[in-house]
Amino acid sequence: MNGLARWVPRLMVATAALHVVWAFTQPNSWSDILHNGVVATAADPDTDGFDAREATVWFMAAGLAFLALGTLAGHVVRVTGRLPAQFGWYLLGIGIPLCTIYFPSTGSWALVVVGVLALIAARESDPR
């Protein structure tokens, strides 16, 4: 197992932690969501504050999804001693569209960086 294969899952968990922290520290709508009863409070795009509620929920959901990816990748590395290339390709598949189309000025570039590092780690641990 190479050192990069051990560090890529950690970087992904760090990215997840930053995402979850940002969900609570950015201008968010948690109080509006709670005040309106939580259920379906971010479902109607015609309501006031929809964009802020949607961003708040998506930051939290994406952070938890990134945590799942990072911890699963860490488990795979511990069990197999290598990081599968699919992990890097998945991160690039998420990160490149976010960087280029949707959020070019945000931290979505971190997914591209971690994705490239994951591909390098997978190549370095390939037994061929």
N, C-alpha and C. Protein backbone atom coordinates (compact mmCIF):
# COMPACT_ATOMS: atom_id res chain seq x y z
N MET A 1 0.85 -1.17 0.00
CA MET A 1 0.00 0.00 0.00
C MET A 1 0.90 1.24 0.00
N ASN A 2 0.59 2.18 -0.89
CA ASN A 2 1.38 3.40 -0.91
C ASN A 2 0.76 4.46 0.00
N GLY A 3 1.58 5.44 0.36
CA GLY A 3 1.12 6.48 1.27
C GLY A 3 -0.02 7.31 0.71
N LEU A 4 0.01 7.55 -0.60
CA LEU A 4 -1.05 8.33 -1.22
C LEU A 4 -2.39 7.63 -1.12
N ALA A 5 -2.39 6.30 -1.24
CA ALA A 5 -3.64 5.54 -1.11
C ALA A 5 -4.23 5.69 0.28
N ARG A 6 -3.38 5.86 1.29
CA ARG A 6 -3.88 6.08 2.65
C ARG A 6 -4.38 7.51 2.84
N TRP A 7 -3.76 8.47 2.14
CA TRP A 7 -4.11 9.87 2.33
C TRP A 7 -5.34 10.31 1.55
N VAL A 8 -5.62 9.72 0.42
CA VAL A 8 -6.77 10.13 -0.39
C VAL A 8 -8.08 10.01 0.40
N PRO A 9 -8.35 8.88 1.06
CA PRO A 9 -9.59 8.82 1.86
C PRO A 9 -9.63 9.87 2.97
N ARG A 10 -8.49 10.14 3.57
CA ARG A 10 -8.43 11.17 4.61
C ARG A 10 -8.75 12.55 4.05
N LEU A 11 -8.25 12.83 2.86
CA LEU A 11 -8.56 14.10 2.21
C LEU A 11 -10.05 14.21 1.90
N MET A 12 -10.63 13.08 1.52
CA MET A 12 -12.07 13.09 1.22
C MET A 12 -12.88 13.31 2.49
N VAL A 13 -12.47 12.71 3.59
CA VAL A 13 -13.16 12.93 4.87
C VAL A 13 -12.99 14.39 5.31
N ALA A 14 -11.81 14.97 5.08
CA ALA A 14 -11.60 16.39 5.41
C ALA A 14 -12.50 17.27 4.55
N THR A 15 -12.63 16.93 3.27
CA THR A 15 -13.53 17.68 2.39
C THR A 15 -14.96 17.57 2.89
N ALA A 16 -15.35 16.39 3.34
CA ALA A 16 -16.70 16.19 3.88
C ALA A 16 -16.90 17.05 5.13
N ALA A 17 -15.91 17.05 6.01
CA ALA A 17 -16.04 17.83 7.25
C ALA A 17 -16.19 19.32 6.94
N LEU A 18 -15.40 19.80 6.00
CA LEU A 18 -15.52 21.21 5.61
C LEU A 18 -16.90 21.51 5.04
N HIS A 19 -17.43 20.58 4.28
CA HIS A 19 -18.74 20.77 3.67
C HIS A 19 -19.84 20.84 4.74
N VAL A 20 -19.77 19.94 5.70
CA VAL A 20 -20.78 19.94 6.77
C VAL A 20 -20.64 21.21 7.63
N VAL A 21 -19.41 21.58 7.95
CA VAL A 21 -19.21 22.82 8.72
C VAL A 21 -19.76 24.01 7.95
N TRP A 22 -19.48 24.06 6.65
CA TRP A 22 -19.98 25.16 5.82
C TRP A 22 -21.51 25.19 5.80
N ALA A 23 -22.14 24.03 5.85
CA ALA A 23 -23.61 23.97 5.86
C ALA A 23 -24.19 24.70 7.07
N PHE A 24 -23.42 24.76 8.15
CA PHE A 24 -23.91 25.42 9.36
C PHE A 24 -23.35 26.82 9.58
N THR A 25 -22.26 27.18 8.87
CA THR A 25 -21.65 28.49 9.11
C THR A 25 -21.94 29.50 8.01
N GLN A 26 -22.22 29.03 6.81
CA GLN A 26 -22.59 29.96 5.73
C GLN A 26 -23.92 30.60 6.08
N PRO A 27 -24.28 31.67 5.38
CA PRO A 27 -25.65 32.15 5.58
C PRO A 27 -26.60 31.02 5.20
N ASN A 28 -27.27 30.48 6.18
CA ASN A 28 -28.09 29.29 5.93
C ASN A 28 -29.53 29.52 6.39
N SER A 29 -30.32 28.51 6.18
CA SER A 29 -31.75 28.61 6.49
C SER A 29 -32.21 27.55 7.48
N TRP A 30 -31.32 27.07 8.33
CA TRP A 30 -31.73 26.04 9.28
C TRP A 30 -32.87 26.52 10.16
N SER A 31 -32.81 27.77 10.60
CA SER A 31 -33.89 28.26 11.48
C SER A 31 -35.21 28.32 10.71
N ASP A 32 -35.18 28.75 9.44
CA ASP A 32 -36.42 28.76 8.64
C ASP A 32 -36.94 27.34 8.43
N ILE A 33 -36.03 26.42 8.16
CA ILE A 33 -36.43 25.02 7.94
C ILE A 33 -37.09 24.46 9.20
N LEU A 34 -36.46 24.69 10.34
CA LEU A 34 -37.03 24.20 11.60
C LEU A 34 -38.34 24.90 11.94
N HIS A 35 -38.38 26.21 11.73
CA HIS A 35 -39.58 26.99 12.04
C HIS A 35 -40.78 26.53 11.21
N ASN A 36 -40.53 26.11 9.98
CA ASN A 36 -41.63 25.70 9.09
C ASN A 36 -41.93 24.21 9.15
N GLY A 37 -41.38 23.52 10.13
CA GLY A 37 -41.74 22.14 10.36
C GLY A 37 -40.92 21.09 9.62
N VAL A 38 -39.79 21.44 9.06
CA VAL A 38 -38.82 20.56 8.42
C VAL A 38 -39.36 19.88 7.17
N VAL A 39 -40.47 19.16 7.27
CA VAL A 39 -40.97 18.34 6.16
C VAL A 39 -41.37 19.22 4.97
N ALA A 40 -40.72 18.99 3.85
CA ALA A 40 -41.00 19.65 2.57
C ALA A 40 -40.82 21.16 2.61
N THR A 41 -40.01 21.68 3.54
CA THR A 41 -39.82 23.13 3.60
C THR A 41 -38.88 23.66 2.52
N ALA A 42 -38.23 22.77 1.78
CA ALA A 42 -37.36 23.20 0.68
C ALA A 42 -37.84 22.59 -0.63
N ALA A 43 -39.13 22.32 -0.73
CA ALA A 43 -39.66 21.64 -1.91
C ALA A 43 -40.32 22.56 -2.93
N ASP A 44 -40.78 23.71 -2.50
CA ASP A 44 -41.52 24.59 -3.41
C ASP A 44 -40.63 25.74 -3.86
N PRO A 45 -40.21 25.74 -5.13
CA PRO A 45 -39.30 26.80 -5.61
C PRO A 45 -39.94 28.19 -5.65
N ASP A 46 -41.23 28.28 -5.48
CA ASP A 46 -41.91 29.58 -5.52
C ASP A 46 -42.00 30.26 -4.15
N THR A 47 -41.55 29.58 -3.09
CA THR A 47 -41.62 30.19 -1.76
C THR A 47 -40.41 31.09 -1.53
N ASP A 48 -40.60 32.08 -0.66
CA ASP A 48 -39.49 32.97 -0.30
C ASP A 48 -38.41 32.17 0.41
N GLY A 49 -37.16 32.41 0.06
CA GLY A 49 -36.04 31.75 0.70
C GLY A 49 -35.74 30.36 0.18
N PHE A 50 -36.38 29.96 -0.91
CA PHE A 50 -36.17 28.61 -1.45
C PHE A 50 -34.71 28.35 -1.77
N ASP A 51 -34.04 29.30 -2.43
CA ASP A 51 -32.65 29.09 -2.83
C ASP A 51 -31.74 28.85 -1.62
N ALA A 52 -31.92 29.63 -0.57
CA ALA A 52 -31.10 29.46 0.63
C ALA A 52 -31.39 28.13 1.31
N ARG A 53 -32.65 27.74 1.36
CA ARG A 53 -33.01 26.45 1.97
C ARG A 53 -32.43 25.30 1.16
N GLU A 54 -32.55 25.40 -0.15
CA GLU A 54 -32.02 24.34 -1.01
C GLU A 54 -30.51 24.21 -0.85
N ALA A 55 -29.79 25.33 -0.84
CA ALA A 55 -28.35 25.30 -0.66
C ALA A 55 -27.96 24.71 0.68
N THR A 56 -28.68 25.08 1.72
CA THR A 56 -28.40 24.56 3.05
C THR A 56 -28.54 23.04 3.09
N VAL A 57 -29.64 22.54 2.56
CA VAL A 57 -29.87 21.09 2.56
C VAL A 57 -28.85 20.37 1.69
N TRP A 58 -28.55 20.91 0.51
CA TRP A 58 -27.60 20.24 -0.37
C TRP A 58 -26.18 20.24 0.18
N PHE A 59 -25.78 21.31 0.85
CA PHE A 59 -24.45 21.31 1.47
C PHE A 59 -24.35 20.20 2.51
N MET A 60 -25.39 20.06 3.33
CA MET A 60 -25.38 19.02 4.36
C MET A 60 -25.40 17.63 3.72
N ALA A 61 -26.28 17.42 2.76
CA ALA A 61 -26.40 16.10 2.11
C ALA A 61 -25.11 15.74 1.38
N ALA A 62 -24.53 16.69 0.66
CA ALA A 62 -23.29 16.41 -0.06
C ALA A 62 -22.15 16.11 0.92
N GLY A 63 -22.10 16.84 2.01
CA GLY A 63 -21.07 16.58 3.02
C GLY A 63 -21.17 15.17 3.57
N LEU A 64 -22.38 14.72 3.86
CA LEU A 64 -22.56 13.36 4.37
C LEU A 64 -22.24 12.32 3.30
N ALA A 65 -22.57 12.61 2.03
CA ALA A 65 -22.22 11.70 0.94
C ALA A 65 -20.70 11.63 0.76
N PHE A 66 -20.02 12.76 0.87
CA PHE A 66 -18.56 12.76 0.78
C PHE A 66 -17.94 11.99 1.94
N LEU A 67 -18.55 12.10 3.11
CA LEU A 67 -18.08 11.33 4.26
C LEU A 67 -18.21 9.84 3.99
N ALA A 68 -19.34 9.45 3.43
CA ALA A 68 -19.55 8.03 3.10
C ALA A 68 -18.50 7.56 2.09
N LEU A 69 -18.25 8.35 1.06
CA LEU A 69 -17.25 7.98 0.06
C LEU A 69 -15.86 7.86 0.68
N GLY A 70 -15.51 8.83 1.51
CA GLY A 70 -14.18 8.82 2.13
C GLY A 70 -13.98 7.66 3.09
N THR A 71 -14.97 7.39 3.92
CA THR A 71 -14.82 6.28 4.87
C THR A 71 -14.87 4.93 4.16
N LEU A 72 -15.67 4.82 3.13
CA LEU A 72 -15.69 3.58 2.35
C LEU A 72 -14.36 3.37 1.63
N ALA A 73 -13.80 4.42 1.05
CA ALA A 73 -12.50 4.32 0.39
C ALA A 73 -11.43 3.93 1.41
N GLY A 74 -11.49 4.50 2.59
CA GLY A 74 -10.52 4.14 3.64
C GLY A 74 -10.63 2.68 4.02
N HIS A 75 -11.84 2.18 4.11
CA HIS A 75 -12.05 0.76 4.42
C HIS A 75 -11.47 -0.12 3.31
N VAL A 76 -11.73 0.24 2.07
CA VAL A 76 -11.21 -0.54 0.95
C VAL A 76 -9.68 -0.56 0.97
N VAL A 77 -9.06 0.56 1.26
CA VAL A 77 -7.60 0.62 1.32
C VAL A 77 -7.08 -0.26 2.45
N ARG A 78 -7.73 -0.21 3.60
CA ARG A 78 -7.27 -1.04 4.73
C ARG A 78 -7.43 -2.53 4.43
N VAL A 79 -8.51 -2.91 3.76
CA VAL A 79 -8.77 -4.33 3.50
C VAL A 79 -7.95 -4.86 2.33
N THR A 80 -7.85 -4.09 1.26
CA THR A 80 -7.18 -4.58 0.05
C THR A 80 -5.77 -4.07 -0.13
N GLY A 81 -5.44 -2.98 0.56
CA GLY A 81 -4.12 -2.39 0.40
C GLY A 81 -4.00 -1.49 -0.81
N ARG A 82 -5.10 -1.25 -1.50
CA ARG A 82 -5.04 -0.37 -2.68
C ARG A 82 -6.33 0.43 -2.79
N LEU A 83 -6.25 1.49 -3.56
CA LEU A 83 -7.42 2.33 -3.82
C LEU A 83 -7.87 2.07 -5.25
N PRO A 84 -9.13 1.70 -5.46
CA PRO A 84 -9.59 1.44 -6.83
C PRO A 84 -9.64 2.73 -7.65
N ALA A 85 -9.30 2.62 -8.92
CA ALA A 85 -9.32 3.77 -9.81
C ALA A 85 -10.73 4.36 -9.95
N GLN A 86 -11.74 3.52 -9.79
CA GLN A 86 -13.12 4.01 -9.91
C GLN A 86 -13.38 5.18 -8.97
N PHE A 87 -12.77 5.14 -7.79
CA PHE A 87 -12.97 6.21 -6.82
C PHE A 87 -12.55 7.55 -7.41
N GLY A 88 -11.39 7.57 -8.03
CA GLY A 88 -10.91 8.80 -8.66
C GLY A 88 -11.80 9.25 -9.81
N TRP A 89 -12.23 8.29 -10.63
CA TRP A 89 -13.10 8.63 -11.76
C TRP A 89 -14.45 9.18 -11.27
N TYR A 90 -14.98 8.60 -10.20
CA TYR A 90 -16.25 9.09 -9.66
C TYR A 90 -16.10 10.54 -9.17
N LEU A 91 -15.00 10.81 -8.47
CA LEU A 91 -14.78 12.17 -7.98
C LEU A 91 -14.61 13.16 -9.13
N LEU A 92 -13.92 12.75 -10.17
CA LEU A 92 -13.78 13.62 -11.34
C LEU A 92 -15.14 13.81 -12.02
N GLY A 93 -15.94 12.75 -12.05
CA GLY A 93 -17.27 12.84 -12.65
C GLY A 93 -18.18 13.80 -11.90
N ILE A 94 -17.97 13.93 -10.61
CA ILE A 94 -18.73 14.89 -9.82
C ILE A 94 -18.08 16.27 -9.89
N GLY A 95 -16.78 16.32 -9.73
CA GLY A 95 -16.07 17.59 -9.60
C GLY A 95 -15.96 18.41 -10.86
N ILE A 96 -15.69 17.79 -11.99
CA ILE A 96 -15.50 18.56 -13.23
C ILE A 96 -16.77 19.31 -13.63
N PRO A 97 -17.94 18.66 -13.67
CA PRO A 97 -19.13 19.44 -14.00
C PRO A 97 -19.43 20.54 -12.98
N LEU A 98 -19.21 20.26 -11.70
CA LEU A 98 -19.45 21.29 -10.70
C LEU A 98 -18.52 22.48 -10.90
N CYS A 99 -17.24 22.21 -11.19
CA CYS A 99 -16.27 23.29 -11.39
C CYS A 99 -16.55 24.09 -12.66
N THR A 100 -16.87 23.42 -13.72
CA THR A 100 -16.96 24.11 -15.00
C THR A 100 -18.34 24.68 -15.30
N ILE A 101 -19.38 24.05 -14.84
CA ILE A 101 -20.73 24.46 -15.22
C ILE A 101 -21.44 25.19 -14.08
N TYR A 102 -21.37 24.61 -12.90
CA TYR A 102 -22.26 25.05 -11.84
C TYR A 102 -21.62 25.98 -10.83
N PHE A 103 -20.45 25.62 -10.31
CA PHE A 103 -19.82 26.39 -9.24
C PHE A 103 -18.35 26.67 -9.52
N PRO A 104 -18.01 27.40 -10.58
CA PRO A 104 -16.59 27.59 -10.89
C PRO A 104 -15.81 28.36 -9.83
N SER A 105 -16.47 29.13 -9.01
CA SER A 105 -15.74 29.95 -8.04
C SER A 105 -15.81 29.41 -6.61
N THR A 106 -16.14 28.14 -6.46
CA THR A 106 -16.25 27.57 -5.11
C THR A 106 -15.20 26.49 -4.89
N GLY A 107 -15.35 25.79 -3.81
CA GLY A 107 -14.39 24.74 -3.45
C GLY A 107 -14.60 23.42 -4.17
N SER A 108 -15.45 23.38 -5.17
CA SER A 108 -15.67 22.12 -5.88
C SER A 108 -14.42 21.62 -6.58
N TRP A 109 -13.46 22.49 -6.77
CA TRP A 109 -12.17 22.09 -7.35
C TRP A 109 -11.48 21.04 -6.47
N ALA A 110 -11.81 21.01 -5.17
CA ALA A 110 -11.20 20.03 -4.27
C ALA A 110 -11.52 18.61 -4.71
N LEU A 111 -12.72 18.39 -5.25
CA LEU A 111 -13.07 17.05 -5.74
C LEU A 111 -12.20 16.66 -6.93
N VAL A 112 -11.89 17.62 -7.78
CA VAL A 112 -11.02 17.34 -8.93
C VAL A 112 -9.62 17.00 -8.44
N VAL A 113 -9.10 17.76 -7.50
CA VAL A 113 -7.76 17.50 -6.97
C VAL A 113 -7.70 16.13 -6.31
N VAL A 114 -8.65 15.83 -5.45
CA VAL A 114 -8.66 14.53 -4.77
C VAL A 114 -8.89 13.41 -5.78
N GLY A 115 -9.70 13.64 -6.80
CA GLY A 115 -9.92 12.65 -7.85
C GLY A 115 -8.64 12.33 -8.61
N VAL A 116 -7.88 13.35 -8.96
CA VAL A 116 -6.60 13.13 -9.65
C VAL A 116 -5.63 12.39 -8.74
N LEU A 117 -5.56 12.80 -7.48
CA LEU A 117 -4.69 12.09 -6.53
C LEU A 117 -5.11 10.64 -6.37
N ALA A 118 -6.40 10.38 -6.38
CA ALA A 118 -6.90 9.01 -6.28
C ALA A 118 -6.47 8.18 -7.49
N LEU A 119 -6.53 8.77 -8.68
CA LEU A 119 -6.09 8.04 -9.87
C LEU A 119 -4.59 7.76 -9.82
N ILE A 120 -3.82 8.70 -9.32
CA ILE A 120 -2.37 8.48 -9.17
C ILE A 120 -2.13 7.37 -8.15
N ALA A 121 -2.84 7.41 -7.03
CA ALA A 121 -2.69 6.38 -6.00
C ALA A 121 -3.08 5.02 -6.54
N ALA A 122 -4.14 4.95 -7.31
CA ALA A 122 -4.58 3.66 -7.87
C ALA A 122 -3.54 3.12 -8.84
N ARG A 123 -2.97 4.00 -9.61
CA ARG A 123 -1.96 3.57 -10.59
C ARG A 123 -0.69 3.08 -9.89
N GLU A 124 -0.29 3.79 -8.84
CA GLU A 124 0.92 3.41 -8.11
C GLU A 124 0.77 2.08 -7.37
N SER A 125 -0.47 1.74 -6.99
CA SER A 125 -0.67 0.49 -6.26
C SER A 125 -1.09 -0.65 -7.16
N ASP A 126 -1.20 -0.39 -8.46
CA ASP A 126 -1.58 -1.43 -9.42
C ASP A 126 -0.45 -2.46 -9.53
N PRO A 127 -0.74 -3.75 -9.30
CA PRO A 127 0.32 -4.77 -9.28
C PRO A 127 0.86 -5.14 -10.66
N ARG A 128 0.35 -4.55 -11.72
CA ARG A 128 0.82 -4.91 -13.06
C ARG A 128 2.25 -4.59 -13.29
